């Protein structure tokens, strides 16, 4: 319906007021040092050490709680609102919110996903304090990095030894990807869904690179593996937990998840495939928004600080400053287990890989 002159004037006036006030809001939010109010003589609160931030993460729930204890002790005036989902879900949510971003920052989400966001112009370059301590291969190559990695996680098989023995097999019978194709394992393998899980995606893309990037060999292998799959679940750690609980015999998961099950006394062994493991980085980034929250930058500084890195090292043997620890569950240097991984190729081909995977295999996906 045509707008009358009064309505038109109100809209113009509203737009003019908004245009005048937005820069003021941005300037006030960006101010990170205390200032004195001329009328009251009181000091403003340091905007970088107080306020409220929204953090999207794919870190495991128990790790989020553990790590945030340290942040909250250092910055008690910053309220952190966590949105935690699996990597694929977080990535889809961020892409859906592109035009109206909710998150102030992303913490501990796959670097391959952040590369997708970066290609969409959704990340705000930011150089966190201490970034020079992060190895070059584990951070953005831009002059001002658009993302910074914190740790590495990789494909592993988590095997319930009690249930495996019932099939007449031992852990020594499952050392390679091809061993997962044994007929005895039909219906006894659970794997992460790559559409919703970063672990699933790094496993699928790792296999494609190992079998021959740009060929059909990876898909041919996945066709055969699909015959032995019971279901694809929407979490990277769930296959490990299901193996620990005896709900499946083999969970194609990631190292930390399996080692935690073993630490908790469950009858599992963690096997890293002899061909090498697909892998990805858990990484951080600042979201591009009209007004950047200075407290989000403070969080990103903390997220690669010595105290944060020491906590990551307690759960992952490979951390991005190169100061990883000797870690129970790895028979050799865990870095040697990682394949020659092309994260840029993964980001560029992510959509087509997932479309094809869903068309071929989604029928065995667990309900969400």
Protein backbone atom coordinates (compact mmCIF):
# COMPACT_ATOMS: atom_id res chain seq x y z
CA UNK A 1 0.00 0.00 0.00
CA UNK A 2 1.45 3.47 -0.88
CA UNK A 3 2.90 5.36 2.08
CA UNK A 4 1.33 8.74 3.00
CA UNK A 5 3.50 11.84 3.55
CA UNK A 6 3.30 11.59 7.34
CA UNK A 7 4.45 7.95 7.38
CA UNK A 8 7.23 8.76 4.94
CA UNK A 9 8.42 11.65 7.11
CA UNK A 10 8.42 9.44 10.23
CA UNK A 11 10.48 6.79 8.48
CA UNK A 12 12.99 9.35 7.22
CA UNK A 13 13.22 10.85 10.70
CA UNK A 14 13.65 7.40 12.29
CA UNK A 15 16.43 6.55 9.80
CA UNK A 16 18.15 9.87 10.44
CA UNK A 17 18.11 9.37 14.21
CA UNK A 18 19.44 5.83 13.81
CA UNK A 19 22.24 7.03 11.55
CA UNK A 20 23.27 9.60 14.17
CA UNK A 21 23.15 7.28 17.16
CA UNK A 22 24.86 4.16 15.74
CA UNK A 23 28.39 5.67 15.57
CA UNK A 24 27.97 6.94 19.14
CA UNK A 25 27.04 3.45 20.36
CA UNK A 26 30.04 1.99 18.51
CA UNK A 27 32.44 4.56 19.94
CA UNK A 28 31.23 4.02 23.49
CA UNK A 29 31.39 0.22 23.13
CA UNK A 30 34.85 0.38 21.64
CA UNK A 31 36.26 2.53 24.43
CA UNK A 32 38.51 0.27 26.50
CA UNK A 33 40.06 2.68 29.00
CA UNK A 34 38.35 4.36 31.98
CA UNK A 35 37.26 7.98 31.50
CA UNK A 36 35.81 10.57 33.86
CA UNK A 37 32.29 11.89 33.34
CA UNK A 38 32.60 15.72 33.40
CA UNK A 39 29.20 16.12 35.03
CA UNK A 40 29.48 13.53 37.81
CA UNK A 41 33.23 13.13 38.29
CA UNK A 42 32.83 9.31 38.33
CA UNK A 43 34.94 6.86 36.31
CA UNK A 44 33.35 4.75 33.59
CA UNK A 45 33.85 0.99 33.87
CA UNK A 46 36.60 -0.44 31.63
CA UNK A 47 34.62 -1.80 28.69
CA UNK A 48 37.26 -4.43 27.93
CA UNK A 49 37.01 -5.94 31.42
CA UNK A 50 33.27 -5.84 31.99
CA UNK A 51 29.97 -6.36 30.25
CA UNK A 52 28.34 -9.29 28.52
CA UNK A 53 29.44 -11.39 25.55
CA UNK A 54 27.91 -14.19 23.49
CA UNK A 55 30.34 -17.00 22.72
CA UNK A 56 29.63 -19.80 20.22
CA UNK A 57 31.69 -22.94 20.79
CA UNK A 58 31.96 -26.58 19.77
CA UNK A 59 34.20 -27.51 22.69
CA UNK A 60 32.99 -30.42 24.79
CA UNK A 61 30.58 -29.38 27.55
CA UNK A 62 32.81 -30.48 30.41
CA UNK A 63 35.78 -28.63 28.91
CA UNK A 64 33.83 -25.39 28.54
CA UNK A 65 32.98 -25.50 32.24
CA UNK A 66 36.58 -26.31 33.18
CA UNK A 67 38.16 -23.58 31.06
CA UNK A 68 35.69 -20.85 31.97
CA UNK A 69 36.55 -21.24 35.65
CA UNK A 70 39.93 -19.67 34.86
CA UNK A 71 38.47 -16.87 32.72
CA UNK A 72 35.86 -15.96 35.32
CA UNK A 73 38.51 -15.80 38.04
CA UNK A 74 40.52 -13.32 35.98
CA UNK A 75 37.58 -11.30 34.62
CA UNK A 76 34.72 -11.53 37.14
CA UNK A 77 32.94 -8.52 35.65
CA UNK A 78 32.47 -10.13 32.22
CA UNK A 79 29.36 -12.27 31.79
CA UNK A 80 29.89 -15.05 29.25
CA UNK A 81 26.80 -16.46 27.54
CA UNK A 82 27.76 -19.77 25.93
CA UNK A 83 25.99 -21.33 22.95
CA UNK A 84 27.41 -24.84 22.62
CA UNK A 85 26.64 -27.14 19.69
CA UNK A 86 28.55 -29.59 17.51
CA UNK A 87 30.76 -28.06 14.86
CA UNK A 88 28.44 -28.54 11.89
CA UNK A 89 25.48 -27.12 13.78
CA UNK A 90 27.46 -24.10 15.00
CA UNK A 91 28.74 -23.46 11.47
CA UNK A 92 25.24 -23.64 10.00
CA UNK A 93 23.91 -21.34 12.73
CA UNK A 94 26.63 -18.74 12.11
CA UNK A 95 26.02 -18.81 8.35
CA UNK A 96 22.27 -18.43 8.89
CA UNK A 97 22.94 -15.39 11.07
CA UNK A 98 25.32 -13.78 8.59
CA UNK A 99 23.21 -10.64 8.09
CA UNK A 100 22.39 -10.28 11.78
CA UNK A 101 25.16 -11.92 13.81
CA UNK A 102 24.39 -12.86 17.40
CA UNK A 103 27.77 -14.23 18.49
CA UNK A 104 30.50 -11.81 19.49
CA UNK A 105 33.13 -14.45 18.96
CA UNK A 106 33.72 -18.10 18.16
CA UNK A 107 35.85 -20.18 20.52
CA UNK A 108 37.09 -23.71 19.87
CA UNK A 109 35.39 -24.39 16.53
CA UNK A 110 36.96 -26.10 13.52
CA UNK A 111 39.38 -23.94 11.55
CA UNK A 112 37.93 -25.42 8.35
CA UNK A 113 34.58 -23.90 9.35
CA UNK A 114 36.17 -20.55 10.19
CA UNK A 115 37.77 -20.51 6.73
CA UNK A 116 34.26 -20.81 5.27
CA UNK A 117 33.08 -17.89 7.41
CA UNK A 118 36.15 -15.88 6.43
CA UNK A 119 35.42 -16.44 2.74
CA UNK A 120 31.94 -15.04 3.44
CA UNK A 121 33.45 -11.88 4.98
CA UNK A 122 32.03 -12.70 8.41
CA UNK A 123 35.20 -12.50 10.52
CA UNK A 124 36.79 -9.36 11.92
CA UNK A 125 40.60 -9.53 11.79
CA UNK A 126 42.05 -9.28 15.28
CA UNK A 127 45.55 -9.84 16.65
CA UNK A 128 45.15 -11.21 20.17
CA UNK A 129 47.84 -10.62 22.75
CA UNK A 130 50.44 -13.38 22.48
CA UNK A 131 49.56 -14.42 18.91
CA UNK A 132 53.27 -14.42 18.05
CA UNK A 133 53.58 -17.55 20.22
CA UNK A 134 51.22 -19.52 17.97
CA UNK A 135 52.95 -21.53 15.26
CA UNK A 136 52.36 -20.12 11.77
CA UNK A 137 50.70 -23.30 10.45
CA UNK A 138 48.07 -23.05 13.17
CA UNK A 139 46.75 -19.53 12.48
CA UNK A 140 45.42 -17.37 9.66
CA UNK A 141 48.02 -16.32 7.11
CA UNK A 142 46.65 -12.76 6.95
CA UNK A 143 48.78 -9.87 8.27
CA UNK A 144 46.14 -9.37 10.96
CA UNK A 145 44.83 -12.88 11.60
CA UNK A 146 41.16 -13.61 11.08
CA UNK A 147 41.40 -16.81 13.19
CA UNK A 148 43.84 -18.39 15.63
CA UNK A 149 44.05 -22.09 16.54
CA UNK A 150 44.31 -23.46 20.07
CA UNK A 151 44.58 -27.26 19.76
CA UNK A 152 44.33 -30.15 17.32
CA UNK A 153 41.98 -33.14 17.32
CA UNK A 154 42.12 -36.21 15.12
CA UNK A 155 40.34 -39.36 13.96
CA UNK A 156 40.57 -42.36 16.28
CA UNK A 157 38.78 -45.69 16.64
CA UNK A 158 37.37 -46.33 20.12
CA UNK A 159 36.87 -50.06 20.53
CA UNK A 160 34.95 -51.93 23.21
CA UNK A 161 37.26 -54.88 23.84
CA UNK A 162 34.70 -56.98 25.73
CA UNK A 163 32.14 -56.83 22.91
CA UNK A 164 34.82 -57.23 20.24
CA UNK A 165 35.93 -60.55 21.71
CA UNK A 166 32.41 -61.88 21.20
CA UNK A 167 32.99 -61.49 17.46
CA UNK A 168 36.19 -63.50 17.66
CA UNK A 169 38.35 -60.43 17.03
CA UNK A 170 40.99 -58.54 19.02
CA UNK A 171 42.15 -54.94 18.92
CA UNK A 172 45.10 -56.06 16.79
CA UNK A 173 42.57 -56.92 14.07
CA UNK A 174 41.50 -53.28 13.77
CA UNK A 175 44.50 -51.10 12.98
CA UNK A 176 43.65 -49.57 9.60
CA UNK A 177 40.70 -47.95 7.85
CA UNK A 178 40.37 -51.03 5.65
CA UNK A 179 40.03 -53.17 8.80
CA UNK A 180 36.72 -51.41 9.43
CA UNK A 181 35.41 -53.19 6.33
CA UNK A 182 35.70 -56.65 7.91
CA UNK A 183 32.40 -58.52 7.52
CA UNK A 184 32.35 -59.34 11.25
CA UNK A 185 31.87 -55.62 11.99
CA UNK A 186 28.70 -55.23 9.93
CA UNK A 187 26.23 -53.24 12.05
CA UNK A 188 28.77 -52.71 14.83
CA UNK A 189 30.25 -49.33 13.85
CA UNK A 190 28.98 -45.89 14.82
CA UNK A 191 30.46 -42.81 13.18
CA UNK A 192 29.92 -39.06 13.45
CA UNK A 193 27.77 -37.40 10.81
CA UNK A 194 29.98 -34.89 8.91
CA UNK A 195 27.05 -32.52 8.35
CA UNK A 196 26.68 -31.91 12.08
CA UNK A 197 30.04 -32.95 13.50
CA UNK A 198 33.49 -31.55 12.86
CA UNK A 199 34.92 -34.94 13.79
CA UNK A 200 32.80 -36.57 11.11
CA UNK A 201 33.92 -34.00 8.55
CA UNK A 202 37.64 -34.30 9.35
CA UNK A 203 37.33 -38.10 9.13
CA UNK A 204 35.58 -38.02 5.75
CA UNK A 205 37.86 -35.36 4.26
CA UNK A 206 40.90 -37.10 5.72
CA UNK A 207 39.90 -40.34 4.02
CA UNK A 208 39.37 -38.57 0.72
CA UNK A 209 42.85 -37.10 0.88
CA UNK A 210 44.41 -40.42 1.89
CA UNK A 211 42.61 -42.34 -0.86
CA UNK A 212 43.30 -39.72 -3.52
CA UNK A 213 41.98 -36.16 -3.42
CA UNK A 214 39.92 -35.39 -6.52
CA UNK A 215 39.29 -39.07 -7.33
CA UNK A 216 36.40 -41.43 -6.63
CA UNK A 217 38.53 -43.68 -4.41
CA UNK A 218 37.39 -41.98 -1.21
CA UNK A 219 33.73 -42.31 -2.12
CA UNK A 220 34.25 -45.94 -3.09
CA UNK A 221 35.70 -46.63 0.34
CA UNK A 222 32.84 -44.79 2.08
CA UNK A 223 30.35 -46.87 0.08
CA UNK A 224 31.90 -50.02 1.53
CA UNK A 225 32.15 -48.60 5.04
CA UNK A 226 28.49 -47.59 4.89
CA UNK A 227 27.55 -51.27 4.67
CA UNK A 228 29.09 -51.84 8.12
CA UNK A 229 27.74 -48.67 9.74
CA UNK A 230 24.95 -49.00 12.29
CA UNK A 231 24.25 -45.28 12.47
CA UNK A 232 25.75 -41.81 12.04
CA UNK A 233 25.33 -39.65 15.14
CA UNK A 234 25.38 -35.87 15.51
CA UNK A 235 28.33 -35.54 17.86
CA UNK A 236 32.06 -36.14 17.63
CA UNK A 237 32.34 -37.66 21.09
CA UNK A 238 29.15 -39.75 21.07
CA UNK A 239 30.62 -42.72 19.16
CA UNK A 240 33.32 -42.98 21.84
CA UNK A 241 30.73 -42.80 24.61
CA UNK A 242 28.59 -45.43 22.91
CA UNK A 243 31.60 -47.73 22.62
CA UNK A 244 32.36 -47.17 26.29
CA UNK A 245 28.79 -48.06 27.21
CA UNK A 246 28.77 -51.18 25.02
CA UNK A 247 26.14 -49.70 22.70
CA UNK A 248 28.47 -50.25 19.77
CA UNK A 249 31.74 -52.09 19.29
CA UNK A 250 33.63 -49.49 17.27
CA UNK A 251 33.09 -45.76 17.61
CA UNK A 252 34.82 -43.69 14.93
CA UNK A 253 35.49 -40.64 17.07
CA UNK A 254 38.51 -38.58 18.14
CA UNK A 255 41.44 -39.25 20.44
CA UNK A 256 40.55 -37.26 23.53
CA UNK A 257 36.99 -38.66 23.64
CA UNK A 258 38.24 -42.24 23.63
CA UNK A 259 41.07 -41.67 26.07
CA UNK A 260 38.60 -40.09 28.50
CA UNK A 261 36.42 -43.23 28.33
CA UNK A 262 39.47 -45.36 29.09
CA UNK A 263 40.51 -43.04 31.95
CA UNK A 264 37.05 -43.47 33.42
CA UNK A 265 37.63 -47.23 33.62
CA UNK A 266 35.47 -48.33 30.70
CA UNK A 267 36.59 -51.38 28.66
CA UNK A 268 37.88 -49.56 25.58
CA UNK A 269 41.08 -49.23 23.64
CA UNK A 270 41.90 -46.23 21.46
CA UNK A 271 43.39 -47.02 18.06
CA UNK A 272 44.88 -44.41 15.75
CA UNK A 273 44.74 -45.76 12.17
CA UNK A 274 48.15 -46.66 10.80
CA UNK A 275 47.57 -44.67 7.57
CA UNK A 276 47.26 -41.49 9.64
CA UNK A 277 44.41 -39.45 11.06
CA UNK A 278 42.38 -36.71 9.51
CA UNK A 279 42.50 -33.67 11.76
CA UNK A 280 41.37 -30.13 12.31
CA UNK A 281 42.13 -27.25 14.62
CA UNK A 282 39.91 -25.92 17.33
CA UNK A 283 40.22 -22.22 16.66
CA UNK A 284 38.94 -18.80 17.72
CA UNK A 285 37.72 -15.78 15.79
CA UNK A 286 36.07 -12.41 16.28
CA UNK A 287 32.76 -11.98 14.48
CA UNK A 288 32.27 -8.96 12.24
CA UNK A 289 29.53 -6.78 13.75
CA UNK A 290 28.56 -3.12 13.53
CA UNK A 291 29.86 -2.64 17.07
CA UNK A 292 32.73 -4.83 18.26
CA UNK A 293 32.45 -5.63 21.95
CA UNK A 294 35.84 -4.93 23.62
CA UNK A 295 35.14 -7.68 26.16
CA UNK A 296 35.14 -10.14 23.24
CA UNK A 297 38.69 -9.07 22.41
CA UNK A 298 39.63 -9.59 26.05
CA UNK A 299 38.23 -13.12 25.85
CA UNK A 300 40.25 -13.85 22.71
CA UNK A 301 43.41 -12.55 24.43
CA UNK A 302 42.76 -14.89 27.36
CA UNK A 303 41.92 -17.81 25.05
CA UNK A 304 45.55 -18.09 23.88
CA UNK A 305 47.15 -17.01 27.16
CA UNK A 306 49.56 -19.24 29.06
CA UNK A 307 46.90 -20.21 31.59
CA UNK A 308 44.42 -21.21 28.86
CA UNK A 309 47.08 -23.10 26.89
CA UNK A 310 48.09 -25.05 29.99
CA UNK A 311 44.48 -26.16 30.41
CA UNK A 312 44.17 -27.19 26.76
CA UNK A 313 47.38 -29.19 27.19
CA UNK A 314 45.71 -31.20 29.94
CA UNK A 315 43.24 -32.58 27.38
CA UNK A 316 44.98 -32.43 24.02
CA UNK A 317 48.60 -33.41 23.35
CA UNK A 318 48.92 -31.02 20.40
CA UNK A 319 48.46 -27.37 21.24
CA UNK A 320 49.22 -24.61 18.80
CA UNK A 321 52.12 -22.95 20.61
CA UNK A 322 54.13 -26.14 20.13
CA UNK A 323 54.34 -26.79 23.86
CA UNK A 324 52.20 -29.93 23.99
CA UNK A 325 52.68 -32.55 26.68
CA UNK A 326 53.47 -36.25 26.67
CA UNK A 327 50.03 -37.78 26.73
CA UNK A 328 48.76 -41.14 27.90
CA UNK A 329 47.17 -43.10 25.07
CA UNK A 330 49.64 -42.15 22.35
CA UNK A 331 52.40 -44.66 21.61
CA UNK A 332 54.42 -42.09 19.64
CA UNK A 333 54.58 -38.36 18.99
CA UNK A 334 50.95 -37.44 18.23
CA UNK A 335 52.05 -34.94 15.59
CA UNK A 336 53.38 -37.88 13.55
CA UNK A 337 49.84 -39.30 13.45
CA UNK A 338 48.45 -36.34 11.51
CA UNK A 339 48.05 -36.60 7.74
CA UNK A 340 49.21 -33.87 5.38
CA UNK A 341 45.95 -31.96 5.62
CA UNK A 342 44.71 -29.29 3.20
CA UNK A 343 42.34 -27.13 5.26
CA UNK A 344 41.77 -24.71 2.38
CA UNK A 345 40.68 -27.60 0.14
CA UNK A 346 38.29 -28.76 2.86
CA UNK A 347 36.76 -25.29 3.17
CA UNK A 348 36.39 -24.87 -0.59
CA UNK A 349 34.82 -28.31 -1.09
CA UNK A 350 32.87 -28.59 2.16
CA UNK A 351 29.45 -27.86 0.69
CA UNK A 352 29.72 -30.25 -2.25
CA UNK A 353 31.18 -33.02 -0.08
CA UNK A 354 28.35 -32.73 2.42
CA UNK A 355 25.69 -32.62 -0.30
CA UNK A 356 27.02 -35.82 -1.82
CA UNK A 357 27.48 -37.50 1.56
CA UNK A 358 23.91 -36.69 2.62
CA UNK A 359 22.50 -37.97 -0.65
CA UNK A 360 24.35 -41.27 -0.34
CA UNK A 361 24.40 -42.07 3.37
CA UNK A 362 22.01 -39.89 5.39
CA UNK A 363 19.47 -42.73 5.59
CA UNK A 364 21.42 -44.17 8.51
CA UNK A 365 21.67 -40.89 10.42
CA UNK A 366 20.32 -40.84 13.97
CA UNK A 367 17.33 -38.63 14.70
CA UNK A 368 18.28 -35.19 15.90
